[in-house]
Amino acid sequence: MVDVLSTSGKKSGSVELDETYFGIEPNVAVMSQVVTAQLAARRAGTQSTKTRSEARGGGAKPWAQKGTGRARAGSSRSPIWRGGGVALGPKPRKYDQKTPKKMVRLALRSALSDRAAEGKVLVVDAWGWDAPKTKDAKAALAALGTEGRVLVVLTDDDAVAARSFRNLPEVQVINSRELNAYDVLVNDYVVFTQANLPTSVPAAANAEEAK
């Protein structure tokens, strides 16, 4: 059970966190594997070096095979020559790793459970701003008592809030559809609204309970 707070930091109710998302034993190994795969997918993989066949020049044999007293040489583009090709150098490649969807979901639930166990999952009733103001966003975070980096989870309907938070360097704004383990772990606090709080109960069932 956590308090539902207003943007001024006052308690306006309480909500039960879904044990499926916020009450499991964090699986560190799965979180590590999923985060590693996510960071690997971000790599551009555009690094490239030229082999001896791609380096410019070196078409003619530098000197005769015998009689010069020097070591034999067939091309000035050999990797042992200055300006030559690179032996076993990097080439463009993809670093993507295939990760099962079940592991991705487990990693997210583990990350959220870890933050919830530390009391760093906050729930706001609604942002409710009519116009985007960075000043209001900063004041709201201060009222909520957050410290360090904050992950603010929003929906498509929270456009005003997104514009209010986007200029704060310590705040990361993310759409609830894109919530992932890495962004949860890299931030100190996670702030939800009641509308986008993860739950395993269908929305229709929640509506019936509210009645």
C-alpha atoms as a PDB file:
ATOM      1  CA  MET A   1       0.000   0.000   0.000  1.00  0.00           C
ATOM      2  CA  VAL A   2       1.377   3.409  -0.971  1.00  0.00           C
ATOM      3  CA  ASP A   3       0.005   6.910  -0.573  1.00  0.00           C
ATOM      4  CA  VAL A   4      -1.460   8.708  -3.554  1.00  0.00           C
ATOM      5  CA  LEU A   5      -0.075  12.242  -3.507  1.00  0.00           C
ATOM      6  CA  SER A   6      -1.057  15.492  -5.132  1.00  0.00           C
ATOM      7  CA  THR A   7       1.439  17.710  -6.946  1.00  0.00           C
ATOM      8  CA  SER A   8       1.715  19.709  -3.717  1.00  0.00           C
ATOM      9  CA  GLY A   9       2.818  16.621  -1.818  1.00  0.00           C
ATOM     10  CA  LYS A  10      -0.399  16.171   0.165  1.00  0.00           C
ATOM     11  CA  LYS A  11      -1.948  12.749   0.618  1.00  0.00           C
ATOM     12  CA  SER A  12      -5.146  12.347  -1.381  1.00  0.00           C
ATOM     13  CA  GLY A  13      -5.665   8.618  -0.892  1.00  0.00           C
ATOM     14  CA  SER A  14      -3.881   5.296  -1.076  1.00  0.00           C
ATOM     15  CA  VAL A  15      -3.508   2.486  -3.572  1.00  0.00           C
ATOM     16  CA  GLU A  16      -2.436  -1.148  -3.361  1.00  0.00           C
ATOM     17  CA  LEU A  17       0.567  -1.949  -5.525  1.00  0.00           C
ATOM     18  CA  ASP A  18       0.073  -5.052  -7.642  1.00  0.00           C
ATOM     19  CA  GLU A  19       2.223  -7.847  -6.184  1.00  0.00           C
ATOM     20  CA  THR A  20       2.813  -9.188  -9.695  1.00  0.00           C
ATOM     21  CA  TYR A  21       4.754  -6.035 -10.610  1.00  0.00           C
ATOM     22  CA  PHE A  22       5.960  -4.651  -7.296  1.00  0.00           C
ATOM     23  CA  GLY A  23       6.147  -7.580  -4.887  1.00  0.00           C
ATOM     24  CA  ILE A  24       8.327 -10.282  -6.432  1.00  0.00           C
ATOM     25  CA  GLU A  25      11.862 -11.293  -5.518  1.00  0.00           C
ATOM     26  CA  PRO A  26      14.106  -9.425  -7.988  1.00  0.00           C
ATOM     27  CA  ASN A  27      15.909 -11.760 -10.381  1.00  0.00           C
ATOM     28  CA  VAL A  28      19.328 -10.133 -10.671  1.00  0.00           C
ATOM     29  CA  ALA A  29      20.621 -12.521 -13.335  1.00  0.00           C
ATOM     30  CA  VAL A  30      17.678 -11.850 -15.655  1.00  0.00           C
ATOM     31  CA  MET A  31      17.910  -8.092 -15.103  1.00  0.00           C
ATOM     32  CA  SER A  32      21.609  -8.190 -15.971  1.00  0.00           C
ATOM     33  CA  GLN A  33      21.043 -10.179 -19.157  1.00  0.00           C
ATOM     34  CA  VAL A  34      18.158  -8.014 -20.357  1.00  0.00           C
ATOM     35  CA  VAL A  35      19.960  -4.745 -19.615  1.00  0.00           C
ATOM     36  CA  THR A  36      23.089  -5.988 -21.398  1.00  0.00           C
ATOM     37  CA  ALA A  37      21.005  -6.905 -24.439  1.00  0.00           C
ATOM     38  CA  GLN A  38      19.253  -3.538 -24.383  1.00  0.00           C
ATOM     39  CA  LEU A  39      22.526  -1.622 -24.271  1.00  0.00           C
ATOM     40  CA  ALA A  40      23.996  -3.831 -26.998  1.00  0.00           C
ATOM     41  CA  ALA A  41      21.043  -3.031 -29.270  1.00  0.00           C
ATOM     42  CA  ARG A  42      21.853   0.669 -28.943  1.00  0.00           C
ATOM     43  CA  ARG A  43      25.293   0.230 -30.494  1.00  0.00           C
ATOM     44  CA  ALA A  44      25.496   1.561 -34.032  1.00  0.00           C
ATOM     45  CA  GLY A  45      27.930  -1.111 -35.171  1.00  0.00           C
ATOM     46  CA  THR A  46      29.261   1.135 -37.946  1.00  0.00           C
ATOM     47  CA  GLN A  47      32.959   0.854 -37.085  1.00  0.00           C
ATOM     48  CA  SER A  48      35.066  -0.283 -40.027  1.00  0.00           C
ATOM     49  CA  THR A  49      38.726  -0.720 -40.966  1.00  0.00           C
ATOM     50  CA  LYS A  50      40.278  -1.471 -44.363  1.00  0.00           C
ATOM     51  CA  THR A  51      41.901  -4.769 -45.092  1.00  0.00           C
ATOM     52  CA  ARG A  52      45.011  -5.013 -47.295  1.00  0.00           C
ATOM     53  CA  SER A  53      42.786  -5.533 -50.339  1.00  0.00           C
ATOM     54  CA  GLU A  54      40.848  -2.319 -49.603  1.00  0.00           C
ATOM     55  CA  ALA A  55      43.783  -0.017 -48.759  1.00  0.00           C
ATOM     56  CA  ARG A  56      44.829   2.299 -51.563  1.00  0.00           C
ATOM     57  CA  GLY A  57      48.047   1.556 -53.502  1.00  0.00           C
ATOM     58  CA  GLY A  58      50.377  -1.410 -53.298  1.00  0.00           C
ATOM     59  CA  GLY A  59      49.676  -2.759 -56.761  1.00  0.00           C
ATOM     60  CA  ALA A  60      53.309  -3.324 -57.685  1.00  0.00           C
ATOM     61  CA  LYS A  61      55.848  -5.461 -55.910  1.00  0.00           C
ATOM     62  CA  PRO A  62      58.025  -3.000 -53.920  1.00  0.00           C
ATOM     63  CA  TRP A  63      61.347  -4.545 -55.010  1.00  0.00           C
ATOM     64  CA  ALA A  64      62.760  -7.660 -56.560  1.00  0.00           C
ATOM     65  CA  GLN A  65      62.372 -10.928 -54.739  1.00  0.00           C
ATOM     66  CA  LYS A  66      66.120 -11.542 -54.611  1.00  0.00           C
ATOM     67  CA  GLY A  67      69.357  -9.619 -54.731  1.00  0.00           C
ATOM     68  CA  THR A  68      68.490  -6.538 -52.669  1.00  0.00           C
ATOM     69  CA  GLY A  69      69.450  -7.860 -49.256  1.00  0.00           C
ATOM     70  CA  ARG A  70      66.093  -6.899 -47.884  1.00  0.00           C
ATOM     71  CA  ALA A  71      63.266  -9.106 -46.713  1.00  0.00           C
ATOM     72  CA  ARG A  72      60.822 -10.343 -49.304  1.00  0.00           C
ATOM     73  CA  ALA A  73      57.821  -8.066 -49.854  1.00  0.00           C
ATOM     74  CA  GLY A  74      54.891  -8.554 -52.181  1.00  0.00           C
ATOM     75  CA  SER A  75      52.853  -5.443 -51.381  1.00  0.00           C
ATOM     76  CA  SER A  76      53.301  -2.157 -49.569  1.00  0.00           C
ATOM     77  CA  ARG A  77      49.728  -2.544 -48.255  1.00  0.00           C
ATOM     78  CA  SER A  78      50.664  -5.442 -45.998  1.00  0.00           C
ATOM     79  CA  PRO A  79      49.472  -5.020 -42.384  1.00  0.00           C
ATOM     80  CA  ILE A  80      53.097  -4.790 -41.205  1.00  0.00           C
ATOM     81  CA  TRP A  81      53.715  -1.757 -43.403  1.00  0.00           C
ATOM     82  CA  ARG A  82      52.913   1.817 -42.482  1.00  0.00           C
ATOM     83  CA  GLY A  83      49.761   2.820 -44.368  1.00  0.00           C
ATOM     84  CA  GLY A  84      48.914  -0.814 -44.976  1.00  0.00           C
ATOM     85  CA  GLY A  85      45.681  -2.642 -44.270  1.00  0.00           C
ATOM     86  CA  VAL A  86      44.481  -3.676 -40.822  1.00  0.00           C
ATOM     87  CA  ALA A  87      44.616  -7.339 -39.901  1.00  0.00           C
ATOM     88  CA  LEU A  88      41.514  -8.672 -38.094  1.00  0.00           C
ATOM     89  CA  GLY A  89      40.132  -5.152 -37.638  1.00  0.00           C
ATOM     90  CA  PRO A  90      36.478  -4.369 -36.841  1.00  0.00           C
ATOM     91  CA  LYS A  91      33.844  -4.436 -39.570  1.00  0.00           C
ATOM     92  CA  PRO A  92      30.212  -3.263 -39.530  1.00  0.00           C
ATOM     93  CA  ARG A  93      28.055  -5.692 -37.583  1.00  0.00           C
ATOM     94  CA  LYS A  94      24.899  -5.921 -35.509  1.00  0.00           C
ATOM     95  CA  TYR A  95      25.170  -6.360 -31.765  1.00  0.00           C
ATOM     96  CA  ASP A  96      21.507  -7.253 -31.234  1.00  0.00           C
ATOM     97  CA  GLN A  97      20.800 -10.098 -28.844  1.00  0.00           C
ATOM     98  CA  LYS A  98      17.607 -12.105 -28.932  1.00  0.00           C
ATOM     99  CA  THR A  99      15.847 -11.910 -25.587  1.00  0.00           C
ATOM    100  CA  PRO A 100      12.651 -13.848 -24.858  1.00  0.00           C
ATOM    101  CA  LYS A 101       9.643 -11.666 -24.062  1.00  0.00           C
ATOM    102  CA  LYS A 102       9.128 -13.492 -20.783  1.00  0.00           C
ATOM    103  CA  MET A 103      12.619 -12.488 -19.669  1.00  0.00           C
ATOM    104  CA  VAL A 104      12.004  -8.851 -20.649  1.00  0.00           C
ATOM    105  CA  ARG A 105       8.794  -8.792 -18.613  1.00  0.00           C
ATOM    106  CA  LEU A 106      10.444 -10.514 -15.650  1.00  0.00           C
ATOM    107  CA  ALA A 107      13.323  -8.024 -15.714  1.00  0.00           C
ATOM    108  CA  LEU A 108      10.871  -5.101 -15.644  1.00  0.00           C
ATOM    109  CA  ARG A 109       8.890  -6.589 -12.762  1.00  0.00           C
ATOM    110  CA  SER A 110      12.135  -7.292 -10.892  1.00  0.00           C
ATOM    111  CA  ALA A 111      13.328  -3.704 -11.362  1.00  0.00           C
ATOM    112  CA  LEU A 112       9.997  -2.258 -10.211  1.00  0.00           C
ATOM    113  CA  SER A 113       9.925  -4.590  -7.209  1.00  0.00           C
ATOM    114  CA  ASP A 114      13.432  -3.481  -6.274  1.00  0.00           C
ATOM    115  CA  ARG A 115      12.440   0.183  -6.338  1.00  0.00           C
ATOM    116  CA  ALA A 116       9.202  -0.547  -4.437  1.00  0.00           C
ATOM    117  CA  ALA A 117      11.115  -2.416  -1.715  1.00  0.00           C
ATOM    118  CA  GLU A 118      13.218   0.721  -1.232  1.00  0.00           C
ATOM    119  CA  GLY A 119      10.120   2.930  -1.039  1.00  0.00           C
ATOM    120  CA  LYS A 120      11.060   4.736  -4.226  1.00  0.00           C
ATOM    121  CA  VAL A 121       7.869   4.131  -6.201  1.00  0.00           C
ATOM    122  CA  LEU A 122       5.602   7.172  -5.964  1.00  0.00           C
ATOM    123  CA  VAL A 123       2.030   7.582  -7.186  1.00  0.00           C
ATOM    124  CA  VAL A 124       0.472  10.946  -8.102  1.00  0.00           C
ATOM    125  CA  ASP A 125      -3.277  11.347  -8.521  1.00  0.00           C
ATOM    126  CA  ALA A 126      -2.833  13.462 -11.681  1.00  0.00           C
ATOM    127  CA  TRP A 127      -0.522  16.206 -12.872  1.00  0.00           C
ATOM    128  CA  GLY A 128      -3.418  18.437 -13.856  1.00  0.00           C
ATOM    129  CA  TRP A 129      -1.522  21.389 -15.327  1.00  0.00           C
ATOM    130  CA  ASP A 130      -3.232  23.547 -17.931  1.00  0.00           C
ATOM    131  CA  ALA A 131      -0.011  24.922 -19.420  1.00  0.00           C
ATOM    132  CA  PRO A 132       3.562  23.564 -19.463  1.00  0.00           C
ATOM    133  CA  LYS A 133       5.785  25.134 -16.808  1.00  0.00           C
ATOM    134  CA  THR A 134       9.181  23.810 -15.770  1.00  0.00           C
ATOM    135  CA  LYS A 135       8.840  25.744 -12.529  1.00  0.00           C
ATOM    136  CA  ASP A 136       5.692  23.810 -11.601  1.00  0.00           C
ATOM    137  CA  ALA A 137       7.333  20.489 -12.453  1.00  0.00           C
ATOM    138  CA  LYS A 138      10.363  21.277 -10.303  1.00  0.00           C
ATOM    139  CA  ALA A 139       8.156  22.341  -7.398  1.00  0.00           C
ATOM    140  CA  ALA A 140       6.102  19.142  -7.685  1.00  0.00           C
ATOM    141  CA  LEU A 141       9.186  16.921  -7.489  1.00  0.00           C
ATOM    142  CA  ALA A 142      10.416  18.851  -4.458  1.00  0.00           C
ATOM    143  CA  ALA A 143       7.019  18.393  -2.792  1.00  0.00           C
ATOM    144  CA  LEU A 144       7.123  14.656  -3.512  1.00  0.00           C
ATOM    145  CA  GLY A 145      10.492  14.425  -1.770  1.00  0.00           C
ATOM    146  CA  THR A 146      12.468  12.921  -4.630  1.00  0.00           C
ATOM    147  CA  GLU A 147      16.262  12.997  -4.744  1.00  0.00           C
ATOM    148  CA  GLY A 148      18.671  12.188  -7.537  1.00  0.00           C
ATOM    149  CA  ARG A 149      17.408  10.974 -10.894  1.00  0.00           C
ATOM    150  CA  VAL A 150      13.660  10.601 -11.379  1.00  0.00           C
ATOM    151  CA  LEU A 151      11.787   8.552 -13.981  1.00  0.00           C
ATOM    152  CA  VAL A 152       8.376  10.097 -14.687  1.00  0.00           C
ATOM    153  CA  VAL A 153       5.999   7.671 -16.384  1.00  0.00           C
ATOM    154  CA  LEU A 154       3.361   9.371 -18.535  1.00  0.00           C
ATOM    155  CA  THR A 155       0.695   8.512 -21.094  1.00  0.00           C
ATOM    156  CA  ASP A 156      -0.271  10.109 -24.388  1.00  0.00           C
ATOM    157  CA  ASP A 157      -2.751  12.311 -22.503  1.00  0.00           C
ATOM    158  CA  ASP A 158       0.019  13.871 -20.370  1.00  0.00           C
ATOM    159  CA  ALA A 159       1.491  16.074 -23.098  1.00  0.00           C
ATOM    160  CA  VAL A 160       1.504  19.163 -20.868  1.00  0.00           C
ATOM    161  CA  ALA A 161       3.341  17.310 -18.094  1.00  0.00           C
ATOM    162  CA  ALA A 162       5.856  15.919 -20.584  1.00  0.00           C
ATOM    163  CA  ARG A 163       6.699  19.417 -21.784  1.00  0.00           C
ATOM    164  CA  SER A 164       6.957  20.611 -18.184  1.00  0.00           C
ATOM    165  CA  PHE A 165       9.488  17.943 -17.198  1.00  0.00           C
ATOM    166  CA  ARG A 166      11.577  17.759 -20.360  1.00  0.00           C
ATOM    167  CA  ASN A 167      13.935  20.635 -19.472  1.00  0.00           C
ATOM    168  CA  LEU A 168      14.908  19.207 -16.069  1.00  0.00           C
ATOM    169  CA  PRO A 169      18.281  17.427 -16.449  1.00  0.00           C
ATOM    170  CA  GLU A 170      17.654  15.073 -13.518  1.00  0.00           C
ATOM    171  CA  VAL A 171      14.300  13.891 -14.898  1.00  0.00           C
ATOM    172  CA  GLN A 172      13.668  11.269 -17.569  1.00  0.00           C
ATOM    173  CA  VAL A 173      10.214  11.188 -19.122  1.00  0.00           C
ATOM    174  CA  ILE A 174       8.980   7.911 -20.584  1.00  0.00           C
ATOM    175  CA  ASN A 175       5.713   6.692 -22.037  1.00  0.00           C
ATOM    176  CA  SER A 176       4.107   3.876 -20.064  1.00  0.00           C
ATOM    177  CA  ARG A 177       4.164   1.697 -23.200  1.00  0.00           C
ATOM    178  CA  GLU A 178       7.974   1.983 -23.327  1.00  0.00           C
ATOM    179  CA  LEU A 179       8.691   1.275 -19.667  1.00  0.00           C
ATOM    180  CA  ASN A 180      11.694  -1.049 -19.359  1.00  0.00           C
ATOM    181  CA  ALA A 181      14.090  -2.481 -16.785  1.00  0.00           C
ATOM    182  CA  TYR A 182      17.114  -0.370 -17.749  1.00  0.00           C
ATOM    183  CA  ASP A 183      15.367   2.989 -17.381  1.00  0.00           C
ATOM    184  CA  VAL A 184      13.896   1.919 -14.038  1.00  0.00           C
ATOM    185  CA  LEU A 185      17.281   0.817 -12.710  1.00  0.00           C
ATOM    186  CA  VAL A 186      19.216   3.839 -13.961  1.00  0.00           C
ATOM    187  CA  ASN A 187      16.907   6.206 -12.046  1.00  0.00           C
ATOM    188  CA  ASP A 188      16.525   6.563  -8.290  1.00  0.00           C
ATOM    189  CA  TYR A 189      12.766   7.182  -8.167  1.00  0.00           C
ATOM    190  CA  VAL A 190       9.876   6.078 -10.379  1.00  0.00           C
ATOM    191  CA  VAL A 191       6.767   8.285 -10.417  1.00  0.00           C
ATOM    192  CA  PHE A 192       3.457   6.989 -11.772  1.00  0.00           C
ATOM    193  CA  THR A 193      -0.006   8.457 -11.967  1.00  0.00           C
ATOM    194  CA  GLN A 194      -2.998   6.402 -10.903  1.00  0.00           C
ATOM    195  CA  ALA A 195      -3.979   6.115 -14.565  1.00  0.00           C
ATOM    196  CA  ASN A 196      -0.758   4.407 -15.691  1.00  0.00           C
ATOM    197  CA  LEU A 197       0.156   2.384 -12.591  1.00  0.00           C
ATOM    198  CA  PRO A 198       1.007  -1.155 -13.811  1.00  0.00           C
ATOM    199  CA  THR A 199      -1.504  -3.817 -12.805  1.00  0.00           C
ATOM    200  CA  SER A 200      -2.316  -7.356 -13.844  1.00  0.00           C
ATOM    201  CA  VAL A 201      -6.024  -6.769 -13.241  1.00  0.00           C
ATOM    202  CA  PRO A 202      -7.976  -5.821 -16.395  1.00  0.00           C
ATOM    203  CA  ALA A 203      -9.302  -2.264 -16.548  1.00  0.00           C
ATOM    204  CA  ALA A 204     -12.912  -3.518 -16.602  1.00  0.00           C
ATOM    205  CA  ALA A 205     -12.378  -5.346 -13.305  1.00  0.00           C
ATOM    206  CA  ASN A 206     -10.929  -2.206 -11.728  1.00  0.00           C
ATOM    207  CA  ALA A 207     -13.985  -0.246 -12.826  1.00  0.00           C
ATOM    208  CA  GLU A 208     -16.297  -2.813 -11.224  1.00  0.00           C
ATOM    209  CA  GLU A 209     -14.342  -2.666  -7.961  1.00  0.00           C
ATOM    210  CA  ALA A 210     -14.589   1.137  -7.959  1.00  0.00           C
ATOM    211  CA  LYS A 211     -18.392   0.857  -8.034  1.00  0.00           C
END
